[in-house]
Amino acid sequence: MDVCYTYYVSIGSNFNPEVNIRAANTLLSACFATASFSEVLRTEGIGLPYQCWYLNQMVRIQSPLDYQKMEFALKELEKQAGRKKNSRNVVLDLDIVEVDGVIVHKHYNKYPFLAQLRNTFNENTSNK
């Protein structure tokens, strides 16, 4: 029997965010056939020494990749999109938030929009 994990992954961009969020959706859909997406929220950067705005979204993915392989795949997608570490311009940020019902994002409580986006999947499920 094949193991399949359910991941919730945050998507964020503060650099040309409309274009980059759409591109992320295309990339993630191409890599993961099970990808389903939340709404998109506009949020202010939290904990930054400068003001900026992000677009944020969440994607639910079912995959046989274990946590380390999934994290590696997401960081490779960030690089492919043009992400440069330590840059104010975040082209694409992909972070695993939850795996099989367990919150794994170390700053989950610092970013209230993560719970808001995650909860949209519960609402979508209960309405069907």
N, C-alpha and C. Protein backbone atom coordinates (compact mmCIF):
# COMPACT_ATOMS: atom_id res chain seq x y z
N MET A 1 0.84 -1.19 0.00
CA MET A 1 0.00 0.00 0.00
C MET A 1 0.88 1.25 0.00
N ASP A 2 0.60 2.17 -0.90
CA ASP A 2 1.38 3.39 -1.00
C ASP A 2 0.95 4.39 0.08
N VAL A 3 1.93 5.04 0.66
CA VAL A 3 1.67 6.09 1.65
C VAL A 3 1.38 7.39 0.91
N CYS A 4 0.39 8.12 1.38
CA CYS A 4 0.07 9.42 0.80
C CYS A 4 -0.14 10.40 1.94
N TYR A 5 0.54 11.52 1.87
CA TYR A 5 0.45 12.55 2.89
C TYR A 5 -0.42 13.70 2.38
N THR A 6 -1.11 14.35 3.30
CA THR A 6 -1.86 15.55 2.96
C THR A 6 -1.12 16.75 3.52
N TYR A 7 -0.72 17.63 2.63
CA TYR A 7 0.03 18.84 2.99
C TYR A 7 -0.84 20.07 2.76
N TYR A 8 -0.67 21.04 3.65
CA TYR A 8 -1.18 22.38 3.43
C TYR A 8 0.04 23.28 3.36
N VAL A 9 0.17 24.00 2.26
CA VAL A 9 1.36 24.79 1.98
C VAL A 9 0.94 26.24 1.75
N SER A 10 1.61 27.15 2.46
CA SER A 10 1.34 28.57 2.24
C SER A 10 2.10 29.05 1.01
N ILE A 11 1.47 29.97 0.30
CA ILE A 11 2.04 30.59 -0.89
C ILE A 11 2.04 32.09 -0.63
N GLY A 12 3.18 32.73 -0.83
CA GLY A 12 3.23 34.17 -0.63
C GLY A 12 4.14 34.85 -1.63
N SER A 13 3.82 36.10 -1.92
CA SER A 13 4.65 36.91 -2.81
C SER A 13 4.41 38.38 -2.52
N ASN A 14 5.50 39.17 -2.50
CA ASN A 14 5.36 40.62 -2.38
C ASN A 14 5.96 41.35 -3.59
N PHE A 15 6.41 40.61 -4.56
CA PHE A 15 7.01 41.18 -5.76
C PHE A 15 6.18 40.76 -6.97
N ASN A 16 5.52 41.75 -7.60
CA ASN A 16 4.63 41.44 -8.71
C ASN A 16 3.71 40.28 -8.31
N PRO A 17 3.04 40.41 -7.15
CA PRO A 17 2.38 39.26 -6.54
C PRO A 17 1.24 38.65 -7.34
N GLU A 18 0.48 39.45 -8.06
CA GLU A 18 -0.63 38.87 -8.83
C GLU A 18 -0.09 37.88 -9.86
N VAL A 19 0.95 38.28 -10.56
CA VAL A 19 1.55 37.42 -11.58
C VAL A 19 2.20 36.20 -10.93
N ASN A 20 2.93 36.42 -9.84
CA ASN A 20 3.67 35.32 -9.22
C ASN A 20 2.77 34.32 -8.50
N ILE A 21 1.65 34.76 -7.93
CA ILE A 21 0.71 33.82 -7.32
C ILE A 21 0.07 32.96 -8.41
N ARG A 22 -0.31 33.58 -9.52
CA ARG A 22 -0.87 32.80 -10.65
C ARG A 22 0.15 31.80 -11.17
N ALA A 23 1.40 32.24 -11.30
CA ALA A 23 2.46 31.34 -11.78
C ALA A 23 2.67 30.19 -10.79
N ALA A 24 2.61 30.48 -9.50
CA ALA A 24 2.76 29.44 -8.49
C ALA A 24 1.63 28.42 -8.61
N ASN A 25 0.41 28.90 -8.85
CA ASN A 25 -0.72 27.98 -9.02
C ASN A 25 -0.49 27.06 -10.21
N THR A 26 0.02 27.62 -11.29
CA THR A 26 0.30 26.82 -12.49
C THR A 26 1.39 25.79 -12.21
N LEU A 27 2.49 26.23 -11.57
CA LEU A 27 3.59 25.33 -11.24
C LEU A 27 3.14 24.20 -10.32
N LEU A 28 2.43 24.56 -9.26
CA LEU A 28 2.00 23.56 -8.28
C LEU A 28 1.00 22.59 -8.88
N SER A 29 0.11 23.08 -9.72
CA SER A 29 -0.86 22.21 -10.39
C SER A 29 -0.17 21.24 -11.34
N ALA A 30 0.90 21.71 -11.99
CA ALA A 30 1.65 20.85 -12.91
C ALA A 30 2.42 19.77 -12.15
N CYS A 31 2.91 20.10 -10.97
CA CYS A 31 3.70 19.15 -10.19
C CYS A 31 2.85 18.20 -9.36
N PHE A 32 1.69 18.68 -8.93
CA PHE A 32 0.85 17.91 -8.02
C PHE A 32 -0.59 17.93 -8.54
N ALA A 33 -1.01 16.82 -9.13
CA ALA A 33 -2.34 16.74 -9.75
C ALA A 33 -3.46 16.99 -8.75
N THR A 34 -3.22 16.75 -7.46
CA THR A 34 -4.26 16.91 -6.45
C THR A 34 -4.35 18.32 -5.87
N ALA A 35 -3.56 19.26 -6.36
CA ALA A 35 -3.51 20.60 -5.79
C ALA A 35 -4.88 21.28 -5.84
N SER A 36 -5.31 21.80 -4.68
CA SER A 36 -6.50 22.64 -4.62
C SER A 36 -6.15 23.88 -3.81
N PHE A 37 -6.70 25.01 -4.21
CA PHE A 37 -6.24 26.29 -3.70
C PHE A 37 -7.32 27.03 -2.93
N SER A 38 -6.87 27.78 -1.93
CA SER A 38 -7.76 28.66 -1.16
C SER A 38 -7.95 29.97 -1.91
N GLU A 39 -8.69 30.85 -1.28
CA GLU A 39 -8.79 32.21 -1.76
C GLU A 39 -7.42 32.89 -1.61
N VAL A 40 -7.28 34.07 -2.17
CA VAL A 40 -6.05 34.86 -2.05
C VAL A 40 -6.35 36.03 -1.12
N LEU A 41 -5.44 36.27 -0.16
CA LEU A 41 -5.57 37.40 0.76
C LEU A 41 -4.43 38.37 0.58
N ARG A 42 -4.73 39.65 0.74
CA ARG A 42 -3.69 40.68 0.77
C ARG A 42 -3.37 40.95 2.23
N THR A 43 -2.10 40.81 2.59
CA THR A 43 -1.69 40.98 3.99
C THR A 43 -0.47 41.90 4.07
N GLU A 44 -0.36 42.57 5.19
CA GLU A 44 0.80 43.41 5.42
C GLU A 44 1.94 42.54 5.94
N GLY A 45 3.17 42.82 5.50
CA GLY A 45 4.34 42.09 6.00
C GLY A 45 4.41 42.21 7.52
N ILE A 46 4.67 41.11 8.20
CA ILE A 46 4.71 41.08 9.66
C ILE A 46 6.15 40.93 10.12
N GLY A 47 6.55 41.77 11.06
CA GLY A 47 7.88 41.66 11.66
C GLY A 47 9.01 42.14 10.78
N LEU A 48 8.69 42.93 9.77
CA LEU A 48 9.72 43.45 8.87
C LEU A 48 10.06 44.88 9.24
N PRO A 49 11.31 45.29 9.03
CA PRO A 49 11.70 46.66 9.36
C PRO A 49 11.25 47.69 8.31
N TYR A 50 10.50 47.25 7.32
CA TYR A 50 9.99 48.11 6.27
C TYR A 50 8.57 47.67 5.95
N GLN A 51 7.78 48.56 5.37
CA GLN A 51 6.40 48.22 5.05
C GLN A 51 6.32 47.59 3.67
N CYS A 52 5.58 46.51 3.59
CA CYS A 52 5.30 45.90 2.30
C CYS A 52 4.03 45.09 2.40
N TRP A 53 3.45 44.79 1.27
CA TRP A 53 2.23 44.00 1.19
C TRP A 53 2.50 42.71 0.44
N TYR A 54 1.82 41.68 0.88
CA TYR A 54 1.92 40.36 0.26
C TYR A 54 0.57 39.92 -0.25
N LEU A 55 0.58 39.05 -1.22
CA LEU A 55 -0.58 38.23 -1.51
C LEU A 55 -0.24 36.85 -0.96
N ASN A 56 -1.21 36.28 -0.26
CA ASN A 56 -1.02 34.96 0.35
C ASN A 56 -2.17 34.04 -0.05
N GLN A 57 -1.84 32.79 -0.14
CA GLN A 57 -2.79 31.76 -0.51
C GLN A 57 -2.34 30.46 0.14
N MET A 58 -3.19 29.46 0.14
CA MET A 58 -2.79 28.14 0.63
C MET A 58 -3.22 27.10 -0.40
N VAL A 59 -2.41 26.06 -0.49
CA VAL A 59 -2.71 24.96 -1.39
C VAL A 59 -2.73 23.66 -0.57
N ARG A 60 -3.69 22.81 -0.88
CA ARG A 60 -3.73 21.46 -0.29
C ARG A 60 -3.23 20.49 -1.35
N ILE A 61 -2.28 19.67 -0.94
CA ILE A 61 -1.65 18.71 -1.85
C ILE A 61 -1.63 17.34 -1.18
N GLN A 62 -1.99 16.33 -1.93
CA GLN A 62 -1.81 14.95 -1.48
C GLN A 62 -0.66 14.38 -2.29
N SER A 63 0.32 13.82 -1.56
CA SER A 63 1.53 13.37 -2.25
C SER A 63 2.19 12.23 -1.47
N PRO A 64 2.86 11.32 -2.19
CA PRO A 64 3.64 10.28 -1.51
C PRO A 64 4.99 10.80 -1.01
N LEU A 65 5.36 12.03 -1.35
CA LEU A 65 6.64 12.58 -0.90
C LEU A 65 6.63 12.75 0.61
N ASP A 66 7.71 12.31 1.27
CA ASP A 66 7.81 12.56 2.71
C ASP A 66 8.15 14.03 2.94
N TYR A 67 8.15 14.45 4.20
CA TYR A 67 8.31 15.86 4.54
C TYR A 67 9.58 16.46 3.92
N GLN A 68 10.71 15.80 4.08
CA GLN A 68 11.97 16.36 3.58
C GLN A 68 11.95 16.49 2.06
N LYS A 69 11.42 15.51 1.37
CA LYS A 69 11.36 15.58 -0.09
C LYS A 69 10.38 16.65 -0.56
N MET A 70 9.28 16.79 0.17
CA MET A 70 8.32 17.84 -0.19
C MET A 70 8.94 19.22 0.03
N GLU A 71 9.60 19.40 1.15
CA GLU A 71 10.25 20.69 1.44
C GLU A 71 11.29 21.01 0.36
N PHE A 72 12.08 20.02 -0.02
CA PHE A 72 13.08 20.22 -1.06
C PHE A 72 12.41 20.61 -2.39
N ALA A 73 11.34 19.91 -2.74
CA ALA A 73 10.62 20.20 -3.99
C ALA A 73 10.07 21.62 -3.99
N LEU A 74 9.53 22.06 -2.86
CA LEU A 74 8.97 23.42 -2.77
C LEU A 74 10.07 24.47 -2.88
N LYS A 75 11.21 24.24 -2.24
CA LYS A 75 12.32 25.21 -2.32
C LYS A 75 12.88 25.26 -3.74
N GLU A 76 12.88 24.15 -4.44
CA GLU A 76 13.30 24.15 -5.85
C GLU A 76 12.33 24.96 -6.71
N LEU A 77 11.03 24.85 -6.42
CA LEU A 77 10.05 25.65 -7.15
C LEU A 77 10.24 27.14 -6.88
N GLU A 78 10.58 27.50 -5.63
CA GLU A 78 10.90 28.90 -5.32
C GLU A 78 12.06 29.40 -6.17
N LYS A 79 13.12 28.60 -6.23
CA LYS A 79 14.28 28.98 -7.03
C LYS A 79 13.91 29.11 -8.50
N GLN A 80 13.13 28.16 -9.00
CA GLN A 80 12.70 28.18 -10.40
C GLN A 80 11.92 29.46 -10.70
N ALA A 81 11.15 29.94 -9.72
CA ALA A 81 10.36 31.16 -9.89
C ALA A 81 11.22 32.42 -9.79
N GLY A 82 12.47 32.28 -9.33
CA GLY A 82 13.36 33.43 -9.24
C GLY A 82 13.59 33.96 -7.84
N ARG A 83 13.25 33.18 -6.82
CA ARG A 83 13.43 33.64 -5.44
C ARG A 83 14.92 33.75 -5.11
N LYS A 84 15.29 34.87 -4.52
CA LYS A 84 16.66 35.10 -4.04
C LYS A 84 16.59 35.25 -2.53
N LYS A 85 17.36 34.48 -1.81
CA LYS A 85 17.38 34.56 -0.35
C LYS A 85 17.88 35.93 0.08
N ASN A 86 17.37 36.39 1.22
CA ASN A 86 17.76 37.67 1.83
C ASN A 86 17.44 38.87 0.95
N SER A 87 16.44 38.75 0.10
CA SER A 87 16.00 39.87 -0.72
C SER A 87 14.67 40.38 -0.20
N ARG A 88 14.47 41.68 -0.24
CA ARG A 88 13.18 42.26 0.14
C ARG A 88 12.09 41.83 -0.82
N ASN A 89 12.48 41.58 -2.06
CA ASN A 89 11.52 41.15 -3.07
C ASN A 89 11.34 39.64 -3.01
N VAL A 90 10.20 39.25 -2.46
CA VAL A 90 9.90 37.82 -2.35
C VAL A 90 9.04 37.44 -3.54
N VAL A 91 9.70 36.86 -4.52
CA VAL A 91 9.00 36.44 -5.74
C VAL A 91 8.01 35.34 -5.39
N LEU A 92 8.46 34.36 -4.62
CA LEU A 92 7.61 33.24 -4.24
C LEU A 92 8.14 32.62 -2.96
N ASP A 93 7.24 32.43 -2.00
CA ASP A 93 7.57 31.78 -0.74
C ASP A 93 6.59 30.63 -0.56
N LEU A 94 7.11 29.43 -0.43
CA LEU A 94 6.30 28.23 -0.24
C LEU A 94 6.74 27.55 1.06
N ASP A 95 5.82 27.48 2.03
CA ASP A 95 6.14 26.88 3.32
C ASP A 95 5.10 25.85 3.69
N ILE A 96 5.57 24.69 4.14
CA ILE A 96 4.65 23.67 4.63
C ILE A 96 4.08 24.16 5.96
N VAL A 97 2.76 24.16 6.05
CA VAL A 97 2.07 24.61 7.26
C VAL A 97 1.60 23.42 8.08
N GLU A 98 1.08 22.41 7.39
CA GLU A 98 0.47 21.27 8.07
C GLU A 98 0.71 20.00 7.27
N VAL A 99 0.93 18.91 8.01
CA VAL A 99 1.07 17.59 7.38
C VAL A 99 0.16 16.62 8.13
N ASP A 100 -0.75 16.01 7.42
CA ASP A 100 -1.67 15.03 8.00
C ASP A 100 -2.28 15.50 9.32
N GLY A 101 -2.74 16.74 9.34
CA GLY A 101 -3.45 17.27 10.50
C GLY A 101 -2.57 17.85 11.59
N VAL A 102 -1.25 17.82 11.41
CA VAL A 102 -0.32 18.34 12.43
C VAL A 102 0.31 19.63 11.90
N ILE A 103 0.16 20.72 12.67
CA ILE A 103 0.78 21.99 12.30
C ILE A 103 2.29 21.86 12.47
N VAL A 104 3.04 22.17 11.41
CA VAL A 104 4.50 22.06 11.45
C VAL A 104 5.19 23.40 11.21
N HIS A 105 4.42 24.43 10.87
CA HIS A 105 5.01 25.76 10.60
C HIS A 105 5.39 26.38 11.94
N LYS A 106 6.66 26.71 12.12
CA LYS A 106 7.15 27.17 13.42
C LYS A 106 6.61 28.53 13.83
N HIS A 107 6.10 29.32 12.89
CA HIS A 107 5.55 30.64 13.21
C HIS A 107 4.05 30.72 12.91
N TYR A 108 3.37 29.59 12.98
CA TYR A 108 1.95 29.52 12.64
C TYR A 108 1.14 30.58 13.40
N ASN A 109 1.35 30.71 14.70
CA ASN A 109 0.57 31.65 15.50
C ASN A 109 0.93 33.10 15.25
N LYS A 110 2.08 33.36 14.67
CA LYS A 110 2.52 34.73 14.37
C LYS A 110 1.79 35.30 13.16
N TYR A 111 1.32 34.43 12.28
CA TYR A 111 0.68 34.84 11.04
C TYR A 111 -0.78 34.39 11.02
N PRO A 112 -1.71 35.23 11.51
CA PRO A 112 -3.11 34.81 11.62
C PRO A 112 -3.75 34.43 10.29
N PHE A 113 -3.24 34.96 9.20
CA PHE A 113 -3.82 34.63 7.90
C PHE A 113 -3.64 33.16 7.55
N LEU A 114 -2.65 32.49 8.14
CA LEU A 114 -2.46 31.06 7.86
C LEU A 114 -3.68 30.26 8.31
N ALA A 115 -4.16 30.51 9.52
CA ALA A 115 -5.35 29.81 10.01
C ALA A 115 -6.57 30.19 9.18
N GLN A 116 -6.66 31.46 8.81
CA GLN A 116 -7.79 31.91 8.00
C GLN A 116 -7.83 31.18 6.66
N LEU A 117 -6.68 31.10 6.00
CA LEU A 117 -6.62 30.40 4.72
C LEU A 117 -6.85 28.90 4.90
N ARG A 118 -6.28 28.31 5.93
CA ARG A 118 -6.46 26.88 6.19
C ARG A 118 -7.93 26.55 6.41
N ASN A 119 -8.62 27.43 7.14
CA ASN A 119 -10.03 27.19 7.46
C ASN A 119 -10.93 27.25 6.24
N THR A 120 -10.50 27.88 5.17
CA THR A 120 -11.34 27.91 3.97
C THR A 120 -11.53 26.51 3.39
N PHE A 121 -10.58 25.63 3.62
CA PHE A 121 -10.73 24.25 3.14
C PHE A 121 -11.80 23.52 3.94
N ASN A 122 -11.87 23.77 5.26
CA ASN A 122 -12.91 23.17 6.09
C ASN A 122 -14.28 23.66 5.65
N GLU A 123 -14.39 24.97 5.37
CA GLU A 123 -15.67 25.54 4.94
C GLU A 123 -16.09 24.96 3.60
N ASN A 124 -15.13 24.82 2.68
CA ASN A 124 -15.44 24.26 1.37
C ASN A 124 -15.91 22.81 1.48
N THR A 125 -15.30 22.05 2.38
CA THR A 125 -15.67 20.64 2.57
C THR A 125 -17.06 20.52 3.17
N SER A 126 -17.38 21.36 4.17
CA SER A 126 -18.66 21.24 4.86
C SER A 126 -19.82 21.73 3.98
N ASN A 127 -19.54 22.52 2.96
CA ASN A 127 -20.60 23.00 2.09
C ASN A 127 -20.91 22.05 0.94
N LYS A 128 -20.17 20.98 0.82
CA LYS A 128 -20.39 20.06 -0.31
C LYS A 128 -21.18 18.85 0.13
